[in-house]
Amino acid sequence: KGLSSRTVERRHILRPTLPMIVTSFLLLIIGMWTGQIILEQVFMWPGLGSLLYSAIQASDTAVIVGVVVIFGYLLAGTVFILDFLYGLLDPRIRVGLAGGRS
């Protein structure tokens, strides 16, 4: 009797752990972006990683800064998505104006 196992899994197991799962997933994505630089060099694929590697070898500062800025924007966008998802997934987190209670 009582709650079904599916309801227990969703309400009491999945819901409290979902923010941690989303955080781990997005950290995995960020790790894949940093690993792509090495992966592109190993398999000789054209992309941002090979562009960054060749720019470092040629001391091309403008290209190095551009690639770093692109990776920075990807990281900032990922963190923004993570904050938005936290507001949707965890009812304890409120999205609103800063500065205290209203």
PDB file of N, CA and C in Angstrom:
ATOM      1  N   LYS A   1       0.843  -1.187   0.000  1.00  0.00           N
ATOM      2  CA  LYS A   1       0.000   0.000   0.000  1.00  0.00           C
ATOM      3  C   LYS A   1       0.886   1.248   0.000  1.00  0.00           C
ATOM      4  N   GLY A   2       0.266   2.385  -0.046  1.00  0.00           N
ATOM      5  CA  GLY A   2       1.014   3.643  -0.050  1.00  0.00           C
ATOM      6  C   GLY A   2       1.285   4.116  -1.460  1.00  0.00           C
ATOM      7  N   LEU A   3       2.370   4.857  -1.609  1.00  0.00           N
ATOM      8  CA  LEU A   3       2.735   5.410  -2.908  1.00  0.00           C
ATOM      9  C   LEU A   3       3.367   4.338  -3.798  1.00  0.00           C
ATOM     10  N   SER A   4       3.167   4.493  -5.092  1.00  0.00           N
ATOM     11  CA  SER A   4       3.792   3.560  -6.024  1.00  0.00           C
ATOM     12  C   SER A   4       5.296   3.839  -6.079  1.00  0.00           C
ATOM     13  N   SER A   5       6.029   2.859  -6.534  1.00  0.00           N
ATOM     14  CA  SER A   5       7.490   3.036  -6.588  1.00  0.00           C
ATOM     15  C   SER A   5       7.876   4.139  -7.570  1.00  0.00           C
ATOM     16  N   ARG A   6       7.130   4.300  -8.654  1.00  0.00           N
ATOM     17  CA  ARG A   6       7.419   5.361  -9.613  1.00  0.00           C
ATOM     18  C   ARG A   6       7.228   6.741  -8.983  1.00  0.00           C
ATOM     19  N   THR A   7       6.173   6.897  -8.184  1.00  0.00           N
ATOM     20  CA  THR A   7       5.930   8.174  -7.512  1.00  0.00           C
ATOM     21  C   THR A   7       7.020   8.458  -6.487  1.00  0.00           C
ATOM     22  N   VAL A   8       7.439   7.446  -5.756  1.00  0.00           N
ATOM     23  CA  VAL A   8       8.513   7.621  -4.778  1.00  0.00           C
ATOM     24  C   VAL A   8       9.797   8.026  -5.483  1.00  0.00           C
ATOM     25  N   GLU A   9      10.099   7.372  -6.611  1.00  0.00           N
ATOM     26  CA  GLU A   9      11.312   7.702  -7.356  1.00  0.00           C
ATOM     27  C   GLU A   9      11.284   9.131  -7.867  1.00  0.00           C
ATOM     28  N   ARG A  10      10.170   9.567  -8.395  1.00  0.00           N
ATOM     29  CA  ARG A  10      10.084  10.923  -8.949  1.00  0.00           C
ATOM     30  C   ARG A  10      10.090  11.990  -7.871  1.00  0.00           C
ATOM     31  N   ARG A  11       9.255  11.799  -6.836  1.00  0.00           N
ATOM     32  CA  ARG A  11       9.084  12.833  -5.821  1.00  0.00           C
ATOM     33  C   ARG A  11      10.223  12.911  -4.829  1.00  0.00           C
ATOM     34  N   HIS A  12      10.685  11.774  -4.370  1.00  0.00           N
ATOM     35  CA  HIS A  12      11.613  11.763  -3.250  1.00  0.00           C
ATOM     36  C   HIS A  12      13.050  11.442  -3.626  1.00  0.00           C
ATOM     37  N   ILE A  13      13.268  10.961  -4.827  1.00  0.00           N
ATOM     38  CA  ILE A  13      14.640  10.664  -5.245  1.00  0.00           C
ATOM     39  C   ILE A  13      15.089  11.597  -6.360  1.00  0.00           C
ATOM     40  N   LEU A  14      14.310  11.691  -7.428  1.00  0.00           N
ATOM     41  CA  LEU A  14      14.732  12.469  -8.591  1.00  0.00           C
ATOM     42  C   LEU A  14      14.657  13.973  -8.349  1.00  0.00           C
ATOM     43  N   ARG A  15      13.570  14.449  -7.773  1.00  0.00           N
ATOM     44  CA  ARG A  15      13.385  15.886  -7.612  1.00  0.00           C
ATOM     45  C   ARG A  15      14.480  16.545  -6.770  1.00  0.00           C
ATOM     46  N   PRO A  16      14.879  15.990  -5.613  1.00  0.00           N
ATOM     47  CA  PRO A  16      15.952  16.650  -4.860  1.00  0.00           C
ATOM     48  C   PRO A  16      17.328  16.555  -5.518  1.00  0.00           C
ATOM     49  N   THR A  17      17.556  15.519  -6.327  1.00  0.00           N
ATOM     50  CA  THR A  17      18.874  15.349  -6.932  1.00  0.00           C
ATOM     51  C   THR A  17      18.989  15.952  -8.324  1.00  0.00           C
ATOM     52  N   LEU A  18      17.892  16.424  -8.895  1.00  0.00           N
ATOM     53  CA  LEU A  18      17.926  16.942 -10.265  1.00  0.00           C
ATOM     54  C   LEU A  18      18.862  18.141 -10.447  1.00  0.00           C
ATOM     55  N   PRO A  19      18.918  19.115  -9.531  1.00  0.00           N
ATOM     56  CA  PRO A  19      19.897  20.198  -9.728  1.00  0.00           C
ATOM     57  C   PRO A  19      21.345  19.704  -9.766  1.00  0.00           C
ATOM     58  N   MET A  20      21.682  18.720  -8.961  1.00  0.00           N
ATOM     59  CA  MET A  20      23.046  18.177  -8.986  1.00  0.00           C
ATOM     60  C   MET A  20      23.319  17.430 -10.288  1.00  0.00           C
ATOM     61  N   ILE A  21      22.313  16.754 -10.816  1.00  0.00           N
ATOM     62  CA  ILE A  21      22.469  16.034 -12.089  1.00  0.00           C
ATOM     63  C   ILE A  21      22.685  17.025 -13.225  1.00  0.00           C
ATOM     64  N   VAL A  22      21.914  18.111 -13.235  1.00  0.00           N
ATOM     65  CA  VAL A  22      22.055  19.122 -14.283  1.00  0.00           C
ATOM     66  C   VAL A  22      23.420  19.798 -14.184  1.00  0.00           C
ATOM     67  N   THR A  23      23.865  20.089 -12.960  1.00  0.00           N
ATOM     68  CA  THR A  23      25.184  20.689 -12.773  1.00  0.00           C
ATOM     69  C   THR A  23      26.275  19.772 -13.295  1.00  0.00           C
ATOM     70  N   SER A  24      26.212  18.502 -12.969  1.00  0.00           N
ATOM     71  CA  SER A  24      27.216  17.547 -13.444  1.00  0.00           C
ATOM     72  C   SER A  24      27.213  17.442 -14.960  1.00  0.00           C
ATOM     73  N   PHE A  25      26.017  17.447 -15.552  1.00  0.00           N
ATOM     74  CA  PHE A  25      25.912  17.361 -17.002  1.00  0.00           C
ATOM     75  C   PHE A  25      26.531  18.583 -17.682  1.00  0.00           C
ATOM     76  N   LEU A  26      26.244  19.769 -17.165  1.00  0.00           N
ATOM     77  CA  LEU A  26      26.797  20.970 -17.792  1.00  0.00           C
ATOM     78  C   LEU A  26      28.297  21.086 -17.552  1.00  0.00           C
ATOM     79  N   LEU A  27      28.797  20.608 -16.412  1.00  0.00           N
ATOM     80  CA  LEU A  27      30.247  20.571 -16.207  1.00  0.00           C
ATOM     81  C   LEU A  27      30.903  19.581 -17.164  1.00  0.00           C
ATOM     82  N   LEU A  28      30.209  18.509 -17.483  1.00  0.00           N
ATOM     83  CA  LEU A  28      30.699  17.553 -18.466  1.00  0.00           C
ATOM     84  C   LEU A  28      30.796  18.205 -19.846  1.00  0.00           C
ATOM     85  N   ILE A  29      29.803  19.009 -20.193  1.00  0.00           N
ATOM     86  CA  ILE A  29      29.831  19.707 -21.485  1.00  0.00           C
ATOM     87  C   ILE A  29      30.997  20.683 -21.540  1.00  0.00           C
ATOM     88  N   ILE A  30      31.232  21.420 -20.448  1.00  0.00           N
ATOM     89  CA  ILE A  30      32.363  22.350 -20.412  1.00  0.00           C
ATOM     90  C   ILE A  30      33.675  21.586 -20.538  1.00  0.00           C
ATOM     91  N   GLY A  31      33.777  20.445 -19.889  1.00  0.00           N
ATOM     92  CA  GLY A  31      34.977  19.620 -20.014  1.00  0.00           C
ATOM     93  C   GLY A  31      35.181  19.105 -21.428  1.00  0.00           C
ATOM     94  N   MET A  32      34.097  18.815 -22.125  1.00  0.00           N
ATOM     95  CA  MET A  32      34.212  18.371 -23.516  1.00  0.00           C
ATOM     96  C   MET A  32      34.732  19.499 -24.400  1.00  0.00           C
ATOM     97  N   TRP A  33      34.312  20.736 -24.113  1.00  0.00           N
ATOM     98  CA  TRP A  33      34.818  21.854 -24.909  1.00  0.00           C
ATOM     99  C   TRP A  33      36.314  22.038 -24.716  1.00  0.00           C
ATOM    100  N   THR A  34      36.779  21.884 -23.491  1.00  0.00           N
ATOM    101  CA  THR A  34      38.219  22.034 -23.281  1.00  0.00           C
ATOM    102  C   THR A  34      38.981  20.843 -23.847  1.00  0.00           C
ATOM    103  N   GLY A  35      38.364  19.675 -23.837  1.00  0.00           N
ATOM    104  CA  GLY A  35      39.019  18.496 -24.413  1.00  0.00           C
ATOM    105  C   GLY A  35      39.030  18.485 -25.920  1.00  0.00           C
ATOM    106  N   GLN A  36      38.183  19.298 -26.535  1.00  0.00           N
ATOM    107  CA  GLN A  36      38.140  19.315 -27.996  1.00  0.00           C
ATOM    108  C   GLN A  36      39.429  19.854 -28.579  1.00  0.00           C
ATOM    109  N   ILE A  37      40.117  20.706 -27.865  1.00  0.00           N
ATOM    110  CA  ILE A  37      41.372  21.270 -28.367  1.00  0.00           C
ATOM    111  C   ILE A  37      42.384  20.151 -28.585  1.00  0.00           C
ATOM    112  N   ILE A  38      42.496  19.272 -27.611  1.00  0.00           N
ATOM    113  CA  ILE A  38      43.426  18.152 -27.725  1.00  0.00           C
ATOM    114  C   ILE A  38      42.933  17.147 -28.768  1.00  0.00           C
ATOM    115  N   LEU A  39      41.632  16.884 -28.758  1.00  0.00           N
ATOM    116  CA  LEU A  39      41.054  15.914 -29.685  1.00  0.00           C
ATOM    117  C   LEU A  39      41.230  16.349 -31.139  1.00  0.00           C
ATOM    118  N   GLU A  40      41.074  17.629 -31.402  1.00  0.00           N
ATOM    119  CA  GLU A  40      41.262  18.120 -32.767  1.00  0.00           C
ATOM    120  C   GLU A  40      42.712  17.990 -33.205  1.00  0.00           C
ATOM    121  N   GLN A  41      43.632  18.139 -32.280  1.00  0.00           N
ATOM    122  CA  GLN A  41      45.041  17.991 -32.633  1.00  0.00           C
ATOM    123  C   GLN A  41      45.413  16.532 -32.869  1.00  0.00           C
ATOM    124  N   VAL A  42      44.843  15.639 -32.088  1.00  0.00           N
ATOM    125  CA  VAL A  42      45.159  14.215 -32.245  1.00  0.00           C
ATOM    126  C   VAL A  42      44.648  13.681 -33.579  1.00  0.00           C
ATOM    127  N   PHE A  43      43.416  14.045 -33.940  1.00  0.00           N
ATOM    128  CA  PHE A  43      42.816  13.522 -35.166  1.00  0.00           C
ATOM    129  C   PHE A  43      42.929  14.478 -36.353  1.00  0.00           C
ATOM    130  N   MET A  44      43.625  15.595 -36.165  1.00  0.00           N
ATOM    131  CA  MET A  44      43.851  16.587 -37.226  1.00  0.00           C
ATOM    132  C   MET A  44      42.543  17.085 -37.841  1.00  0.00           C
ATOM    133  N   TRP A  45      41.563  17.355 -36.987  1.00  0.00           N
ATOM    134  CA  TRP A  45      40.289  17.918 -37.431  1.00  0.00           C
ATOM    135  C   TRP A  45      40.383  19.440 -37.411  1.00  0.00           C
ATOM    136  N   PRO A  46      39.827  20.114 -38.415  1.00  0.00           N
ATOM    137  CA  PRO A  46      39.821  21.572 -38.360  1.00  0.00           C
ATOM    138  C   PRO A  46      38.758  22.067 -37.370  1.00  0.00           C
ATOM    139  N   GLY A  47      39.070  23.107 -36.653  1.00  0.00           N
ATOM    140  CA  GLY A  47      38.135  23.663 -35.683  1.00  0.00           C
ATOM    141  C   GLY A  47      38.821  24.698 -34.818  1.00  0.00           C
ATOM    142  N   LEU A  48      38.133  25.108 -33.755  1.00  0.00           N
ATOM    143  CA  LEU A  48      38.691  26.126 -32.868  1.00  0.00           C
ATOM    144  C   LEU A  48      39.951  25.645 -32.160  1.00  0.00           C
ATOM    145  N   GLY A  49      40.001  24.368 -31.837  1.00  0.00           N
ATOM    146  CA  GLY A  49      41.181  23.840 -31.158  1.00  0.00           C
ATOM    147  C   GLY A  49      42.414  23.891 -32.031  1.00  0.00           C
ATOM    148  N   SER A  50      42.284  23.474 -33.278  1.00  0.00           N
ATOM    149  CA  SER A  50      43.441  23.527 -34.180  1.00  0.00           C
ATOM    150  C   SER A  50      43.792  24.977 -34.527  1.00  0.00           C
ATOM    151  N   LEU A  51      42.789  25.826 -34.607  1.00  0.00           N
ATOM    152  CA  LEU A  51      43.063  27.247 -34.839  1.00  0.00           C
ATOM    153  C   LEU A  51      43.837  27.845 -33.675  1.00  0.00           C
ATOM    154  N   LEU A  52      43.440  27.509 -32.453  1.00  0.00           N
ATOM    155  CA  LEU A  52      44.147  28.002 -31.272  1.00  0.00           C
ATOM    156  C   LEU A  52      45.571  27.460 -31.229  1.00  0.00           C
ATOM    157  N   TYR A  53      45.742  26.200 -31.539  1.00  0.00           N
ATOM    158  CA  TYR A  53      47.076  25.588 -31.514  1.00  0.00           C
ATOM    159  C   TYR A  53      47.998  26.243 -32.535  1.00  0.00           C
ATOM    160  N   SER A  54      47.490  26.447 -33.752  1.00  0.00           N
ATOM    161  CA  SER A  54      48.338  27.076 -34.776  1.00  0.00           C
ATOM    162  C   SER A  54      48.598  28.539 -34.453  1.00  0.00           C
ATOM    163  N   ALA A  55      47.643  29.227 -33.813  1.00  0.00           N
ATOM    164  CA  ALA A  55      47.857  30.620 -33.439  1.00  0.00           C
ATOM    165  C   ALA A  55      48.893  30.734 -32.323  1.00  0.00           C
ATOM    166  N   ILE A  56      48.905  29.773 -31.405  1.00  0.00           N
ATOM    167  CA  ILE A  56      49.923  29.791 -30.346  1.00  0.00           C
ATOM    168  C   ILE A  56      51.302  29.556 -30.942  1.00  0.00           C
ATOM    169  N   GLN A  57      51.403  28.628 -31.906  1.00  0.00           N
ATOM    170  CA  GLN A  57      52.696  28.374 -32.544  1.00  0.00           C
ATOM    171  C   GLN A  57      53.187  29.582 -33.319  1.00  0.00           C
ATOM    172  N   ALA A  58      52.268  30.330 -33.942  1.00  0.00           N
ATOM    173  CA  ALA A  58      52.650  31.488 -34.755  1.00  0.00           C
ATOM    174  C   ALA A  58      52.670  32.782 -33.936  1.00  0.00           C
ATOM    175  N   SER A  59      52.364  32.714 -32.637  1.00  0.00           N
ATOM    176  CA  SER A  59      52.298  33.883 -31.746  1.00  0.00           C
ATOM    177  C   SER A  59      51.323  34.938 -32.280  1.00  0.00           C
ATOM    178  N   ASP A  60      50.188  34.498 -32.785  1.00  0.00           N
ATOM    179  CA  ASP A  60      49.157  35.384 -33.305  1.00  0.00           C
ATOM    180  C   ASP A  60      48.208  35.748 -32.159  1.00  0.00           C
ATOM    181  N   THR A  61      48.502  36.863 -31.517  1.00  0.00           N
ATOM    182  CA  THR A  61      47.795  37.257 -30.301  1.00  0.00           C
ATOM    183  C   THR A  61      46.317  37.537 -30.552  1.00  0.00           C
ATOM    184  N   ALA A  62      45.979  38.141 -31.671  1.00  0.00           N
ATOM    185  CA  ALA A  62      44.581  38.479 -31.949  1.00  0.00           C
ATOM    186  C   ALA A  62      43.714  37.226 -32.059  1.00  0.00           C
ATOM    187  N   VAL A  63      44.215  36.207 -32.719  1.00  0.00           N
ATOM    188  CA  VAL A  63      43.455  34.966 -32.862  1.00  0.00           C
ATOM    189  C   VAL A  63      43.347  34.248 -31.521  1.00  0.00           C
ATOM    190  N   ILE A  64      44.416  34.248 -30.743  1.00  0.00           N
ATOM    191  CA  ILE A  64      44.396  33.621 -29.420  1.00  0.00           C
ATOM    192  C   ILE A  64      43.349  34.282 -28.537  1.00  0.00           C
ATOM    193  N   VAL A  65      43.336  35.604 -28.534  1.00  0.00           N
ATOM    194  CA  VAL A  65      42.350  36.333 -27.728  1.00  0.00           C
ATOM    195  C   VAL A  65      40.938  36.059 -28.235  1.00  0.00           C
ATOM    196  N   GLY A  66      40.755  36.001 -29.544  1.00  0.00           N
ATOM    197  CA  GLY A  66      39.436  35.725 -30.110  1.00  0.00           C
ATOM    198  C   GLY A  66      38.904  34.356 -29.715  1.00  0.00           C
ATOM    199  N   VAL A  67      39.750  33.337 -29.782  1.00  0.00           N
ATOM    200  CA  VAL A  67      39.321  31.986 -29.418  1.00  0.00           C
ATOM    201  C   VAL A  67      39.025  31.909 -27.921  1.00  0.00           C
ATOM    202  N   VAL A  68      39.850  32.553 -27.109  1.00  0.00           N
ATOM    203  CA  VAL A  68      39.608  32.563 -25.659  1.00  0.00           C
ATOM    204  C   VAL A  68      38.295  33.284 -25.342  1.00  0.00           C
ATOM    205  N   VAL A  69      38.008  34.352 -26.049  1.00  0.00           N
ATOM    206  CA  VAL A  69      36.746  35.072 -25.843  1.00  0.00           C
ATOM    207  C   VAL A  69      35.556  34.196 -26.249  1.00  0.00           C
ATOM    208  N   ILE A  70      35.679  33.471 -27.338  1.00  0.00           N
ATOM    209  CA  ILE A  70      34.601  32.569 -27.761  1.00  0.00           C
ATOM    210  C   ILE A  70      34.342  31.510 -26.697  1.00  0.00           C
ATOM    211  N   PHE A  71      35.424  30.911 -26.171  1.00  0.00           N
ATOM    212  CA  PHE A  71      35.249  29.930 -25.104  1.00  0.00           C
ATOM    213  C   PHE A  71      34.666  30.573 -23.847  1.00  0.00           C
ATOM    214  N   GLY A  72      35.042  31.821 -23.581  1.00  0.00           N
ATOM    215  CA  GLY A  72      34.468  32.544 -22.439  1.00  0.00           C
ATOM    216  C   GLY A  72      32.970  32.771 -22.603  1.00  0.00           C
ATOM    217  N   TYR A  73      32.557  33.138 -23.808  1.00  0.00           N
ATOM    218  CA  TYR A  73      31.119  33.308 -24.068  1.00  0.00           C
ATOM    219  C   TYR A  73      30.364  31.981 -23.933  1.00  0.00           C
ATOM    220  N   LEU A  74      30.960  30.901 -24.406  1.00  0.00           N
ATOM    221  CA  LEU A  74      30.328  29.587 -24.242  1.00  0.00           C
ATOM    222  C   LEU A  74      30.172  29.239 -22.765  1.00  0.00           C
ATOM    223  N   LEU A  75      31.203  29.517 -21.977  1.00  0.00           N
ATOM    224  CA  LEU A  75      31.140  29.246 -20.548  1.00  0.00           C
ATOM    225  C   LEU A  75      30.092  30.123 -19.868  1.00  0.00           C
ATOM    226  N   ALA A  76      30.062  31.411 -20.199  1.00  0.00           N
ATOM    227  CA  ALA A  76      29.074  32.307 -19.591  1.00  0.00           C
ATOM    228  C   ALA A  76      27.653  31.918 -19.980  1.00  0.00           C
ATOM    229  N   GLY A  77      27.455  31.527 -21.228  1.00  0.00           N
ATOM    230  CA  GLY A  77      26.130  31.079 -21.658  1.00  0.00           C
ATOM    231  C   GLY A  77      25.703  29.810 -20.944  1.00  0.00           C
ATOM    232  N   THR A  78      26.645  28.908 -20.726  1.00  0.00           N
ATOM    233  CA  THR A  78      26.337  27.671 -20.014  1.00  0.00           C
ATOM    234  C   THR A  78      25.957  27.948 -18.568  1.00  0.00           C
ATOM    235  N   VAL A  79      26.678  28.839 -17.916  1.00  0.00           N
ATOM    236  CA  VAL A  79      26.360  29.196 -16.527  1.00  0.00           C
ATOM    237  C   VAL A  79      25.005  29.896 -16.458  1.00  0.00           C
ATOM    238  N   PHE A  80      24.692  30.745 -17.441  1.00  0.00           N
ATOM    239  CA  PHE A  80      23.387  31.397 -17.472  1.00  0.00           C
ATOM    240  C   PHE A  80      22.270  30.370 -17.613  1.00  0.00           C
ATOM    241  N   ILE A  81      22.453  29.409 -18.501  1.00  0.00           N
ATOM    242  CA  ILE A  81      21.455  28.344 -18.669  1.00  0.00           C
ATOM    243  C   ILE A  81      21.316  27.540 -17.381  1.00  0.00           C
ATOM    244  N   LEU A  82      22.435  27.283 -16.710  1.00  0.00           N
ATOM    245  CA  LEU A  82      22.398  26.542 -15.453  1.00  0.00           C
ATOM    246  C   LEU A  82      21.609  27.303 -14.388  1.00  0.00           C
ATOM    247  N   ASP A  83      21.830  28.607 -14.279  1.00  0.00           N
ATOM    248  CA  ASP A  83      21.071  29.404 -13.312  1.00  0.00           C
ATOM    249  C   ASP A  83      19.580  29.401 -13.640  1.00  0.00           C
ATOM    250  N   PHE A  84      19.246  29.502 -14.901  1.00  0.00           N
ATOM    251  CA  PHE A  84      17.847  29.477 -15.311  1.00  0.00           C
ATOM    252  C   PHE A  84      17.209  28.129 -14.984  1.00  0.00           C
ATOM    253  N   LEU A  85      17.940  27.047 -15.249  1.00  0.00           N
ATOM    254  CA  LEU A  85      17.417  25.716 -14.954  1.00  0.00           C
ATOM    255  C   LEU A  85      17.247  25.489 -13.457  1.00  0.00           C
ATOM    256  N   TYR A  86      18.145  26.057 -12.646  1.00  0.00           N
ATOM    257  CA  TYR A  86      17.988  25.952 -11.196  1.00  0.00           C
ATOM    258  C   TYR A  86      16.668  26.560 -10.752  1.00  0.00           C
ATOM    259  N   GLY A  87      16.314  27.698 -11.321  1.00  0.00           N
ATOM    260  CA  GLY A  87      15.056  28.340 -10.971  1.00  0.00           C
ATOM    261  C   GLY A  87      13.851  27.499 -11.358  1.00  0.00           C
ATOM    262  N   LEU A  88      13.965  26.753 -12.448  1.00  0.00           N
ATOM    263  CA  LEU A  88      12.860  25.898 -12.874  1.00  0.00           C
ATOM    264  C   LEU A  88      12.781  24.597 -12.079  1.00  0.00           C
ATOM    265  N   LEU A  89      13.940  24.036 -11.745  1.00  0.00           N
ATOM    266  CA  LEU A  89      13.966  22.713 -11.131  1.00  0.00           C
ATOM    267  C   LEU A  89      13.785  22.729  -9.616  1.00  0.00           C
ATOM    268  N   ASP A  90      14.310  23.750  -8.957  1.00  0.00           N
ATOM    269  CA  ASP A  90      14.283  23.767  -7.500  1.00  0.00           C
ATOM    270  C   ASP A  90      13.318  24.850  -7.032  1.00  0.00           C
ATOM    271  N   PRO A  91      12.207  24.474  -6.426  1.00  0.00           N
ATOM    272  CA  PRO A  91      11.232  25.483  -6.003  1.00  0.00           C
ATOM    273  C   PRO A  91      11.728  26.359  -4.846  1.00  0.00           C
ATOM    274  N   ARG A  92      12.788  25.952  -4.179  1.00  0.00           N
ATOM    275  CA  ARG A  92      13.328  26.761  -3.084  1.00  0.00           C
ATOM    276  C   ARG A  92      14.087  27.978  -3.593  1.00  0.00           C
ATOM    277  N   ILE A  93      14.532  27.919  -4.853  1.00  0.00           N
ATOM    278  CA  ILE A  93      15.280  29.030  -5.444  1.00  0.00           C
ATOM    279  C   ILE A  93      14.294  29.940  -6.143  1.00  0.00           C
ATOM    280  N   ARG A  94      14.274  31.198  -5.727  1.00  0.00           N
ATOM    281  CA  ARG A  94      13.362  32.165  -6.338  1.00  0.00           C
ATOM    282  C   ARG A  94      14.142  33.090  -7.258  1.00  0.00           C
ATOM    283  N   VAL A  95      13.577  33.342  -8.409  1.00  0.00           N
ATOM    284  CA  VAL A  95      14.164  34.274  -9.345  1.00  0.00           C
ATOM    285  C   VAL A  95      13.408  35.580  -9.191  1.00  0.00           C
ATOM    286  N   GLY A  96      14.118  36.639  -8.916  1.00  0.00           N
ATOM    287  CA  GLY A  96      13.453  37.919  -8.725  1.00  0.00           C
ATOM    288  C   GLY A  96      14.465  39.025  -8.548  1.00  0.00           C
ATOM    289  N   LEU A  97      14.007  40.134  -8.024  1.00  0.00           N
ATOM    290  CA  LEU A  97      14.866  41.280  -7.820  1.00  0.00           C
ATOM    291  C   LEU A  97      15.777  41.056  -6.628  1.00  0.00           C
ATOM    292  N   ALA A  98      16.987  41.541  -6.744  1.00  0.00           N
ATOM    293  CA  ALA A  98      17.933  41.445  -5.638  1.00  0.00           C
ATOM    294  C   ALA A  98      17.630  42.541  -4.624  1.00  0.00           C
ATOM    295  N   GLY A  99      18.082  42.358  -3.426  1.00  0.00           N
ATOM    296  CA  GLY A  99      17.925  43.418  -2.439  1.00  0.00           C
ATOM    297  C   GLY A  99      16.995  43.060  -1.309  1.00  0.00           C
ATOM    298  N   GLY A 100      16.662  41.825  -1.161  1.00  0.00           N
ATOM    299  CA  GLY A 100      15.859  41.439  -0.007  1.00  0.00           C
ATOM    300  C   GLY A 100      14.418  41.167  -0.348  1.00  0.00           C
ATOM    301  N   ARG A 101      13.625  41.182   0.706  1.00  0.00           N
ATOM    302  CA  ARG A 101      12.204  40.859   0.547  1.00  0.00           C
ATOM    303  C   ARG A 101      11.416  42.049   0.036  1.00  0.00           C
ATOM    304  N   SER A 102      10.335  41.723  -0.638  1.00  0.00           N
ATOM    305  CA  SER A 102       9.471  42.808  -1.122  1.00  0.00           C
ATOM    306  C   SER A 102       8.058  42.616  -0.646  1.00  0.00           C
TER     307      SER A 102
END
